[in-house]
Every structure is written in structure tokens, then in C-alpha cells.
Protein backbone atom coordinates (compact mmCIF):
# COMPACT_ATOMS: atom_id res chain seq x y z
CA MET A 1 116.36 136.07 6.88
CA ASP A 2 114.32 133.77 9.08
CA ARG A 3 116.06 132.41 12.09
CA LYS A 4 115.59 128.82 13.21
CA VAL A 5 115.32 128.60 16.95
CA ARG A 6 115.19 125.36 18.94
CA LYS A 7 114.34 125.07 22.59
CA LEU A 8 116.98 123.19 24.50
CA ASP A 9 115.82 120.97 27.36
CA ALA A 10 117.98 121.57 30.35
CA SER A 11 119.28 118.35 31.75
CA PHE A 12 119.87 118.44 35.45
CA PRO A 13 121.37 115.51 37.32
CA ALA A 14 118.77 113.66 39.37
CA LYS A 15 118.96 114.29 43.08
CA PRO A 16 120.44 111.21 44.72
CA LYS A 17 117.97 109.13 46.76
CA LEU A 18 118.43 109.38 50.50
CA LEU A 19 119.32 106.15 52.27
CA ASN A 20 116.92 105.15 55.01
CA VAL A 21 119.33 104.49 57.90
CA ALA A 22 118.66 103.06 61.35
CA ALA A 23 120.93 102.04 64.21
CA TYR A 24 120.85 99.20 66.72
CA GLY A 25 122.20 99.35 70.28
CA ARG A 26 122.21 96.88 73.15
CA VAL A 27 123.62 96.51 76.64
CA SER A 28 124.00 93.20 78.45
CA SER A 29 123.38 94.34 82.00
CA GLY A 30 120.63 96.20 83.81
CA LYS A 31 123.03 98.18 85.97
CA ASP A 32 122.60 101.97 85.94
CA ALA A 33 125.99 102.51 84.34
CA MET A 34 125.17 100.16 81.49
CA LEU A 35 121.75 101.68 80.92
CA HIS A 36 123.43 105.05 80.77
CA SER A 37 125.72 103.53 78.15
CA LEU A 38 122.66 102.53 76.13
CA SER A 39 121.26 106.06 76.39
CA ALA A 40 124.62 107.35 75.15
CA GLN A 41 124.50 104.93 72.19
CA VAL A 42 121.02 106.17 71.24
CA SER A 43 122.13 109.82 71.39
CA TYR A 44 125.33 109.12 69.45
CA TYR A 45 123.62 107.31 66.58
CA SER A 46 120.71 109.74 66.40
CA GLU A 47 123.12 112.65 65.95
CA MET A 48 125.34 110.75 63.51
CA ILE A 49 122.53 109.74 61.15
CA GLN A 50 120.68 113.06 61.26
CA ASN A 51 123.85 115.02 60.49
CA HIS A 52 124.72 112.94 57.42
CA PRO A 53 123.47 114.70 54.26
CA GLY A 54 122.79 111.51 52.33
CA TRP A 55 120.86 109.70 55.06
CA ASN A 56 117.26 109.74 56.19
CA TYR A 57 116.97 109.08 59.93
CA CYS A 58 114.78 106.02 60.69
CA GLY A 59 115.38 105.78 64.42
CA VAL A 60 117.53 103.86 66.88
CA TYR A 61 116.38 100.41 67.96
CA ALA A 62 117.73 99.54 71.40
CA ASP A 63 117.36 96.67 73.88
CA GLU A 64 118.23 96.61 77.55
CA ALA A 65 119.64 93.76 79.58
CA MET A 66 119.29 90.99 76.98
CA THR A 67 121.78 88.39 75.88
CA GLY A 68 123.08 88.55 72.35
CA THR A 69 122.94 84.78 71.91
CA LYS A 70 119.15 84.68 72.03
CA ASP A 71 116.82 86.19 69.46
CA ASN A 72 113.95 87.25 71.70
CA ARG A 73 115.02 90.90 71.90
CA GLU A 74 111.89 92.93 71.32
CA ASN A 75 113.40 95.89 69.46
CA PHE A 76 115.81 93.67 67.56
CA GLN A 77 112.83 91.75 66.20
CA ARG A 78 111.06 95.03 65.40
CA LEU A 79 114.15 96.15 63.46
CA ILE A 80 114.14 92.93 61.41
CA ALA A 81 110.42 93.31 60.69
CA ASP A 82 110.89 96.90 59.47
CA CYS A 83 113.76 95.79 57.23
CA ARG A 84 111.62 93.07 55.70
CA ALA A 85 108.89 95.67 55.15
CA GLY A 86 111.30 97.77 53.05
CA LYS A 87 111.53 100.67 55.53
CA ILE A 88 115.33 100.53 56.02
CA ASP A 89 118.30 100.53 53.59
CA MET A 90 121.19 100.42 56.06
CA ILE A 91 121.78 99.50 59.70
CA ILE A 92 124.61 100.87 61.84
CA THR A 93 125.67 99.03 64.99
CA LYS A 94 128.65 99.25 67.32
CA SER A 95 130.02 95.72 66.98
CA ILE A 96 129.26 92.13 66.10
CA SER A 97 128.84 91.19 69.78
CA ARG A 98 126.21 93.93 70.25
CA PHE A 99 124.26 92.67 67.25
CA ALA A 100 124.42 88.88 67.83
CA ARG A 101 126.86 86.37 69.33
CA ASN A 102 125.17 83.43 67.64
CA THR A 103 127.14 83.01 64.39
CA LEU A 104 124.35 81.13 62.61
CA THR A 105 121.73 83.76 63.48
CA LEU A 106 124.04 86.56 62.41
CA LEU A 107 124.89 85.03 59.04
CA ASN A 108 121.26 84.16 58.31
CA ILE A 109 120.24 87.77 58.90
CA VAL A 110 123.18 89.15 56.89
CA ARG A 111 122.42 86.90 53.91
CA GLU A 112 118.71 87.66 54.01
CA PHE A 113 119.38 91.40 54.15
CA LYS A 114 121.92 91.21 51.31
CA LYS A 115 119.19 89.74 49.10
CA LEU A 116 116.98 92.68 50.15
CA GLY A 117 119.79 95.14 49.38
CA ILE A 118 120.20 96.13 53.04
CA ASP A 119 123.72 96.91 54.29
CA ILE A 120 124.83 96.41 57.91
CA PHE A 121 127.80 98.45 59.08
CA PHE A 122 129.74 97.25 62.14
CA GLU A 123 131.67 100.28 63.40
CA GLU A 124 134.18 98.56 65.63
CA GLN A 125 135.24 96.04 62.98
CA ASN A 126 134.76 98.54 60.09
CA ILE A 127 132.79 95.97 58.07
CA HIS A 128 130.06 96.64 55.50
CA THR A 129 128.14 93.45 54.79
CA MET A 130 127.48 94.52 51.20
CA SER A 131 131.23 94.74 50.46
CA GLY A 132 133.05 91.96 48.59
CA ASP A 133 134.86 90.45 51.59
CA GLY A 134 132.29 91.56 54.19
CA GLU A 135 130.74 88.15 54.80
CA LEU A 136 134.10 86.36 55.03
CA MET A 137 135.42 88.77 57.65
CA LEU A 138 132.11 88.68 59.44
CA THR A 139 132.12 84.87 59.64
CA ILE A 140 135.58 84.84 61.20
CA LEU A 141 134.86 87.60 63.70
CA ALA A 142 131.39 86.28 64.57
CA SER A 143 132.85 82.85 65.33
CA TYR A 144 135.30 84.54 67.66
CA ALA A 145 132.46 86.47 69.35
CA GLN A 146 130.48 83.24 69.82
CA GLU A 147 133.48 81.49 71.34
CA GLU A 148 133.95 84.48 73.65
CA SER A 149 130.31 84.12 74.71
CA ARG A 150 130.85 80.40 75.38
CA SER A 151 133.91 81.12 77.50
CA ALA A 152 132.02 83.75 79.52
CA SER A 153 129.14 81.30 80.01
CA GLU A 154 131.47 78.57 81.25
CA ASN A 155 133.10 80.99 83.69
CA GLN A 156 129.69 81.97 85.03
CA LYS A 157 128.68 78.30 85.41
CA TRP A 158 131.91 77.64 87.33
CA ARG A 159 131.18 80.52 89.75
CA ILE A 160 127.61 79.31 90.30
CA ARG A 161 128.69 75.73 90.97
CA LYS A 162 131.32 76.91 93.44
CA SER A 163 128.55 78.84 95.21
CA TYR A 164 126.46 75.65 95.32
CA GLU A 165 129.36 73.78 96.92
CA LYS A 166 129.39 76.43 99.68
CA GLY A 167 125.62 76.06 100.19
CA GLU A 168 124.87 79.55 98.87
CA LEU A 169 121.51 80.35 97.30
CA VAL A 170 122.09 81.66 93.79
CA GLN A 171 119.70 82.06 90.88
CA TRP A 172 116.67 81.56 93.15
CA ARG A 173 114.21 84.03 91.72
CA ILE A 174 110.68 82.77 92.20
CA GLN A 175 108.95 80.80 94.95
CA TYR A 176 105.31 80.86 96.03
CA GLY A 177 105.25 81.98 99.66
CA TYR A 178 108.37 84.13 99.45
CA ASN A 179 109.44 87.57 98.23
CA ILE A 180 112.90 87.03 96.79
CA MET A 181 115.06 90.11 96.42
CA LYS A 182 118.69 90.63 95.59
CA ASP A 183 119.96 90.93 99.14
CA LYS A 184 117.29 89.13 101.18
CA ILE A 185 114.50 86.57 101.16
CA GLU A 186 111.29 87.42 103.01
CA ILE A 187 108.15 85.44 103.69
CA ASN A 188 105.06 86.66 101.84
CA PRO A 189 102.46 86.51 104.64
CA GLU A 190 99.41 86.05 102.41
CA GLN A 191 100.97 83.33 100.24
CA ALA A 192 102.58 81.65 103.26
CA GLU A 193 99.15 81.25 104.83
CA VAL A 194 97.97 79.45 101.67
CA VAL A 195 101.03 77.15 101.84
CA ARG A 196 100.30 76.28 105.51
CA ASN A 197 96.66 75.64 104.63
CA ILE A 198 97.69 73.22 101.85
CA PHE A 199 99.97 71.28 104.23
CA ASP A 200 97.31 71.12 106.98
CA ARG A 201 94.64 69.84 104.61
CA ALA A 202 96.99 67.21 103.15
CA ILE A 203 97.74 65.89 106.66
CA ALA A 204 93.99 65.85 107.39
CA GLY A 205 93.56 63.44 104.47
CA GLU A 206 91.98 65.76 101.90
CA THR A 207 92.76 64.82 98.30
CA PHE A 208 95.05 67.04 96.27
CA GLY A 209 92.31 67.48 93.65
CA SER A 210 89.89 68.69 96.32
CA ILE A 211 92.45 71.18 97.65
CA CYS A 212 93.13 72.73 94.24
CA ARG A 213 89.42 72.92 93.37
CA ASP A 214 88.75 74.81 96.59
CA LEU A 215 91.63 77.24 96.01
CA ASN A 216 90.42 77.92 92.48
CA ALA A 217 86.84 78.42 93.68
CA ARG A 218 88.08 80.99 96.22
CA GLY A 219 89.92 82.91 93.50
CA ILE A 220 93.38 82.10 94.88
CA SER A 221 95.86 81.79 92.01
CA THR A 222 99.41 80.42 91.70
CA TYR A 223 102.50 82.61 91.54
CA PHE A 224 101.94 83.25 87.81
CA GLY A 225 98.23 83.91 88.23
CA LYS A 226 97.16 80.52 86.89
CA LYS A 227 94.72 77.97 88.30
CA TRP A 228 95.89 75.34 90.76
CA THR A 229 96.28 71.73 89.66
CA ALA A 230 96.88 68.53 91.62
CA ARG A 231 100.39 68.48 90.16
CA ARG A 232 101.09 71.99 91.49
CA ILE A 233 99.79 70.98 94.93
CA THR A 234 102.18 68.00 94.89
CA GLU A 235 105.08 70.30 94.00
CA ILE A 236 104.26 72.59 96.93
CA LEU A 237 104.03 69.67 99.36
CA SER A 238 107.32 68.15 98.14
CA ASN A 239 109.42 71.33 98.16
CA GLU A 240 112.09 71.38 100.88
CA LYS A 241 112.41 75.18 100.63
CA TYR A 242 109.32 75.54 102.85
CA ILE A 243 111.33 74.18 105.81
CA GLY A 244 114.16 76.65 105.21
CA ASP A 245 116.44 74.20 103.35
CA ALA A 246 117.39 74.04 99.69
CA VAL A 247 118.46 71.37 97.22
CA LEU A 248 120.91 73.17 94.95
CA GLN A 249 121.38 72.55 91.22
CA LYS A 250 118.05 70.80 90.60
CA SER A 251 118.33 72.16 87.06
CA TYR A 252 120.97 73.65 84.78
CA VAL A 253 121.36 75.57 81.51
CA ASN A 254 121.96 73.18 78.61
CA ASN A 255 124.28 75.44 76.56
CA HIS A 256 125.19 79.08 75.94
CA ILE A 257 123.24 79.30 72.67
CA GLU A 258 119.80 77.90 73.53
CA LYS A 259 120.07 78.75 77.24
CA LYS A 260 117.32 76.21 77.94
CA ILE A 261 116.84 75.22 81.57
CA VAL A 262 116.69 71.42 81.88
CA LYS A 263 116.12 69.13 84.86
CA ASN A 264 119.24 67.68 86.48
CA ASN A 265 118.81 63.90 86.31
CA GLY A 266 122.27 63.15 87.67
CA GLU A 267 124.31 64.83 84.95
CA LEU A 268 125.68 67.25 87.57
CA PRO A 269 126.10 66.97 91.38
CA MET A 270 123.35 68.32 93.66
CA TYR A 271 123.83 69.75 97.16
CA TYR A 272 121.52 69.93 100.20
CA ALA A 273 121.93 73.14 102.19
CA GLU A 274 120.21 73.53 105.58
CA GLY A 275 118.95 76.75 107.10
CA THR A 276 119.40 78.91 104.03
CA HIS A 277 116.31 81.05 104.76
CA GLU A 278 113.30 81.43 107.04
CA ALA A 279 110.96 78.43 107.13
CA ILE A 280 107.19 78.50 106.56
CA ILE A 281 106.57 74.87 107.57
CA ASP A 282 108.19 73.03 110.49
CA LYS A 283 110.19 69.89 109.70
CA GLU A 284 107.85 67.56 111.61
CA THR A 285 104.86 68.68 109.52
CA PHE A 286 106.90 68.40 106.34
CA GLU A 287 107.95 64.81 107.10
CA LYS A 288 104.35 63.81 107.83
CA VAL A 289 103.27 65.25 104.49
CA GLN A 290 106.04 63.38 102.64
CA ALA A 291 104.50 60.13 103.86
CA VAL A 292 101.16 61.32 102.41
CA VAL A 293 102.79 62.24 99.09
CA ARG A 294 104.51 58.83 98.89
CA ALA A 295 101.22 57.06 99.63
CA VAL A 296 99.46 58.99 96.86
CA LYS A 297 102.22 58.12 94.38
CA GLU A 298 102.08 54.43 95.36
CA LYS A 299 98.31 54.41 94.99
CA TYR A 300 98.46 55.69 91.46
CA CYS A 301 101.77 54.15 90.36
CA GLY A 302 99.95 51.63 88.17
CA LYS A 303 98.11 54.35 86.31
CA LYS A 304 99.45 56.27 83.36
CA PRO A 305 101.22 59.33 84.73
CA GLN A 306 99.72 62.67 83.96
CA GLN A 307 101.91 64.76 81.70
CA SER A 308 101.79 68.49 81.25
CA TYR A 309 102.63 70.01 77.90
CA PRO A 310 103.27 73.69 77.11
CA PHE A 311 99.96 74.07 75.25
CA SER A 312 97.79 72.26 77.81
CA SER A 313 94.74 74.35 78.88
CA ILE A 314 95.96 77.23 76.69
CA ILE A 315 94.40 76.43 73.28
CA LYS A 316 90.69 77.29 73.16
CA CYS A 317 88.29 76.21 70.43
CA GLY A 318 86.53 79.20 68.87
CA LEU A 319 83.65 77.02 67.67
CA CYS A 320 82.54 75.27 70.87
CA GLY A 321 84.64 76.84 73.64
CA GLU A 322 86.37 73.60 74.73
CA ASN A 323 90.11 73.22 75.30
CA PHE A 324 92.32 71.45 72.79
CA LYS A 325 94.05 68.24 73.93
CA ARG A 326 97.18 66.45 72.77
CA VAL A 327 96.51 63.33 70.68
CA THR A 328 98.98 60.73 69.38
CA ALA A 329 97.90 58.51 66.47
CA ASN A 330 100.03 56.54 64.01
CA ASP A 331 103.19 58.06 65.53
CA LYS A 332 101.87 61.55 64.69
CA ILE A 333 101.11 64.15 67.37
CA SER A 334 98.37 66.73 66.96
CA TRP A 335 96.15 68.97 69.08
CA ASN A 336 92.40 68.37 68.76
CA CYS A 337 89.36 70.03 70.27
CA ARG A 338 88.26 67.90 73.23
CA SER A 339 84.62 68.10 72.16
CA PHE A 340 85.45 66.91 68.63
CA GLN A 341 87.75 64.18 69.94
CA GLU A 342 85.29 62.78 72.48
CA LYS A 343 81.88 63.48 70.87
CA GLY A 344 82.58 63.70 67.14
CA ARG A 345 82.04 66.15 64.30
CA ALA A 346 78.33 66.51 65.10
CA PHE A 347 79.29 68.50 68.21
CA CYS A 348 82.28 70.41 66.82
CA LYS A 349 83.70 70.82 63.32
CA SER A 350 87.11 72.04 64.38
CA LYS A 351 90.28 70.79 62.70
CA ALA A 352 93.30 69.07 64.23
CA ILE A 353 96.57 71.05 64.36
CA PRO A 354 99.87 69.15 63.92
CA GLU A 355 102.11 69.76 66.95
CA THR A 356 105.09 70.57 64.71
CA THR A 357 103.00 73.26 63.00
CA LEU A 358 101.81 74.63 66.34
CA ILE A 359 105.38 74.85 67.66
CA SER A 360 106.78 76.53 64.53
CA VAL A 361 103.93 79.08 64.26
CA THR A 362 104.23 79.92 67.97
CA ALA A 363 107.99 80.46 67.66
CA GLU A 364 107.37 82.72 64.65
CA VAL A 365 104.79 84.80 66.53
CA LEU A 366 107.21 85.20 69.45
CA GLY A 367 110.01 86.20 67.07
CA LEU A 368 112.14 83.15 67.93
CA ASP A 369 114.18 80.77 65.79
CA SER A 370 113.02 77.89 67.99
CA PHE A 371 110.28 77.37 70.57
CA ASP A 372 111.15 78.46 74.13
CA GLU A 373 108.73 77.20 76.79
CA LYS A 374 109.74 79.82 79.38
CA ILE A 375 109.22 82.76 77.01
CA PHE A 376 105.94 81.19 75.84
CA TYR A 377 104.56 81.11 79.41
CA GLU A 378 105.82 84.64 80.08
CA LYS A 379 104.18 86.25 77.03
CA ILE A 380 101.18 84.18 75.86
CA ASP A 381 97.93 84.15 77.83
CA HIS A 382 95.96 81.83 75.55
CA ILE A 383 95.50 80.75 71.92
CA LYS A 384 92.13 80.76 70.19
CA VAL A 385 91.26 78.61 67.18
CA PRO A 386 88.50 80.57 65.34
CA GLY A 387 88.32 78.17 62.41
CA ALA A 388 90.30 75.91 60.10
CA ASN A 389 93.97 76.80 59.59
CA SER A 390 93.83 79.88 61.79
CA LEU A 391 95.29 80.72 65.20
CA ILE A 392 94.89 83.86 67.30
CA PHE A 393 97.59 84.42 69.93
CA TYR A 394 96.53 86.57 72.91
CA PHE A 395 99.49 88.15 74.71
CA LYS A 396 99.52 88.98 78.42
CA ASP A 397 100.17 92.64 77.54
CA GLY A 398 96.78 92.85 75.76
CA ARG A 399 98.00 92.39 72.16
CA SER A 400 96.68 89.74 69.80
CA VAL A 401 98.20 88.31 66.63
CA GLU A 402 96.45 86.09 64.07
CA ARG A 403 98.36 83.58 61.96
CA LYS A 404 97.30 81.24 59.18
CA TRP A 405 98.91 77.85 58.76
CA LYS A 406 98.98 75.46 55.83
CA ASP A 407 98.33 71.74 55.67
CA ARG A 408 101.25 69.67 54.59
CA SER A 409 99.98 67.79 51.58
CA ARG A 410 99.65 64.10 52.22
CA SER A 411 100.94 63.39 48.74
CA GLU A 412 104.27 64.99 49.65
CA SER A 413 105.06 62.14 51.98
CA TRP A 414 104.06 59.39 49.52
CA THR A 415 106.79 57.31 47.99
CA PRO A 416 106.51 55.97 44.40
CA GLU A 417 105.83 52.52 45.87
CA MET A 418 102.94 53.91 47.97
CA ARG A 419 101.43 55.64 44.95
CA GLU A 420 101.64 52.44 42.88
CA ALA A 421 100.06 50.38 45.66
CA ALA A 422 97.21 52.89 45.89
CA ARG A 423 96.72 52.75 42.12
CA GLN A 424 96.55 48.95 42.16
CA ARG A 425 93.98 49.01 44.99
CA ALA A 426 91.82 51.43 42.99
CA ILE A 427 92.01 49.18 39.90
CA LYS A 428 91.06 46.13 41.96
CA GLN A 429 88.10 47.94 43.54
CA ARG A 430 86.76 48.90 40.09
CA LYS A 431 87.07 45.31 38.86
CA ASP A 432 85.28 43.94 41.93
CA LYS A 433 82.26 46.20 41.28
């Protein structure tokens, strides 16, 4: 008899997909011991992930000597970018405080990553963000970490202010004319000679504009390698540190989250300490120059004071080569090409950039939640505007990043009353014709 034979398809269980796992480590101090700790973190997580059978090793992202309250950590931002690009399924980190002490930042990242299906595991607290109660526990513990950061910040401020009361120089890092190190302050001979030259020429009656033009023509730059301005010359001539004294607490940090340095306008006490370091200028010369500085200020007190903005002399027009300038019209602030602003569209067809747009795009390029002027100066060399709705950011390390920006539709800001008024004007114009 004939046999009926059927081929049976073997059904094998699908091999489970490997999770793409990365780790994040950070230390808050640049001391050798702490950097060794970071190296240990990298080794620990590398071994852990690579030895897990269900995980695919995606690397360890680590930052040195950065505060967890700010979001300008280079490798932290690279980690976030790779997550958004779909390269990572899970992140392992030691603790909440290592990841971020800013509760709002932490929760925003957690919620964004949950939508992307990315889990964050905090070892110390044993929390998976994808678990049912993960976010609740995280909120509580992150708030505690932020408060801990605030307390540490207040303690540090107290120590600094006590040092000011004793006339001690603390947090003095940069000064043209000096080499400032941890244990000592030395005169920079080359820069000191420029400082003396500036003082001598001011006493001789030379204008501040003439001094800075000559320095720029000779290729002498400021501490940060920028061109001299009359304002910078004034700052040099008015700085008591060149006679070996120091006014302490001219500025202060506004809070432990933003960590923005603001000018002290009487909110906190200031102290005058004499003989804190070696002088470049004698006191007699300094006093003579102060009379010159006061005379210059009195001469121009009736004129509109010159203001410097973060983007001044940094935005270059790609169409005509001119700088962009800050323009205020109808209570709106924008940055326009100087050639377009002064000569019209026949000379340059560039487009105005709203300042709010410029600030937000710049913060995005720098990987920040909000614009930070200090970081901006440290990292950005200049910005080029090649055409409408486009910006190219040139970093001091040689990198460049291009970003597009969108116009905010004018109609978005129109109220129903404004639309009706416009309609009635249009009707009237048609009738008048």
C-alpha cells in the first residue's frame, strides 16, 4: 500500500535579540585619585557588559572633573545623541548623583528615553527606569541628590566668603599680565610689558581707541586670543590687580543649578586686600591713569554707552562678509547683517535672525538646556550665515556644525481681533479702488 509522507517543518525558538548596553561614569574632581576611580569605573563596566550573554557591548561614556548639575559634559551629550539615534537599548550607571543632580534634567531624560524604549539602571539605588515604580523612586531620590548638591554648594560659598574676609585670593584663575597657578602667582614678562605700555600711552594722552588699534595692528592679542577693544583697554587701566591689590567678590555664582557668574552690584559684601601679589604698575602711575579714565567717562557720559553682547563680532555674513549687528525694532530684537542694515537689500540680501532663535540654536549646538555665555566663548570661534535660515558654527577645536532654523509664522501671533481688523482694511482698500 502507498504510504503518505508529509515533511514536518522544524520550529526552533528564535534567538533572543541582544540588548545594546552602554555605561556612563563620571568623577567630580580632577585629582589623581578620582581620575583613577574613573578608570576603575570604565574597566568595571566594560567587563560587566561584555561578560553578560544577553548584552552587546556599546562602550563606556565617561567624563572627568565636571559637575553633575550642568549639562555641558561632552561624553554625556554624546551618550544622549547615540540613544536618540537608536544605537543603545540600556544604560548602566553607578548612581543618580553620577548621572545628574538636576532633578528636572534627569526626569526629562528618563521620560524621553522611556518613550524610546531605553532603560536606565542605577546600580546604587537598584532602580530600572522602565519598571512600574521606577520614575516615582527616581523623583524622590533625585530631589534628595539635588538638595545634597545645593548644600555642598552653600558650604563651598561659605568657605570662599570666609577666605575673602581674610583677604585671601581664591578663584582667581585668569589675568592678562600674570601666570596664575595653584600655589603661586607670577608675572608674565611679555604680557606685563604690554600692560605697562598701555598705562604709559594713556598717561601720555593717547586715546584708548588708538591704543587698541595699534596693538591689533602689531598682532598682539588679548588673553583669549581676541582683538583689543577700547572697552578692554579701559578694563586694563581700571584694574587694581596691576598694583598688587585685589577687590574680592566682584562677582558671584547665582545658584547651584545654573552656576552662572553674575556681577556683584551690592548684593554681597566686597573686600579690598592690599599686597596680595607682585605689582606690575606702581600706585602713583595707577592713580594718574584713574584720573584719565574718569575724564574719558565724563567726556562721553552724555552719549549712549557702548554695550557688548555675546554675539558681537562673532556672526559673519556669508553673502557679503560683514559682521551681524544687534537691532531692536518694535520691542523685538534681531541680528542683521551690517551691510544690509546700513545700505539696504541692493548690497546684501541676507535675512535677519531673531535673537531668541539665535540663543536657542546656539544652546542646542553646544548641547545645553540654556545658553551659557562662558561656555559659548570657550568653544565657539565664529558663526557664519551662508544663506537664509542657516547657521554654521565654527568651534575652536576645528569642528563645524550647520543648523537650520525656522521662521515663526507671523499668523501664529495674531489674535482674532487682529485678523478681523486686517480683513476690514482689505475690504476698505478694495472699495476705495
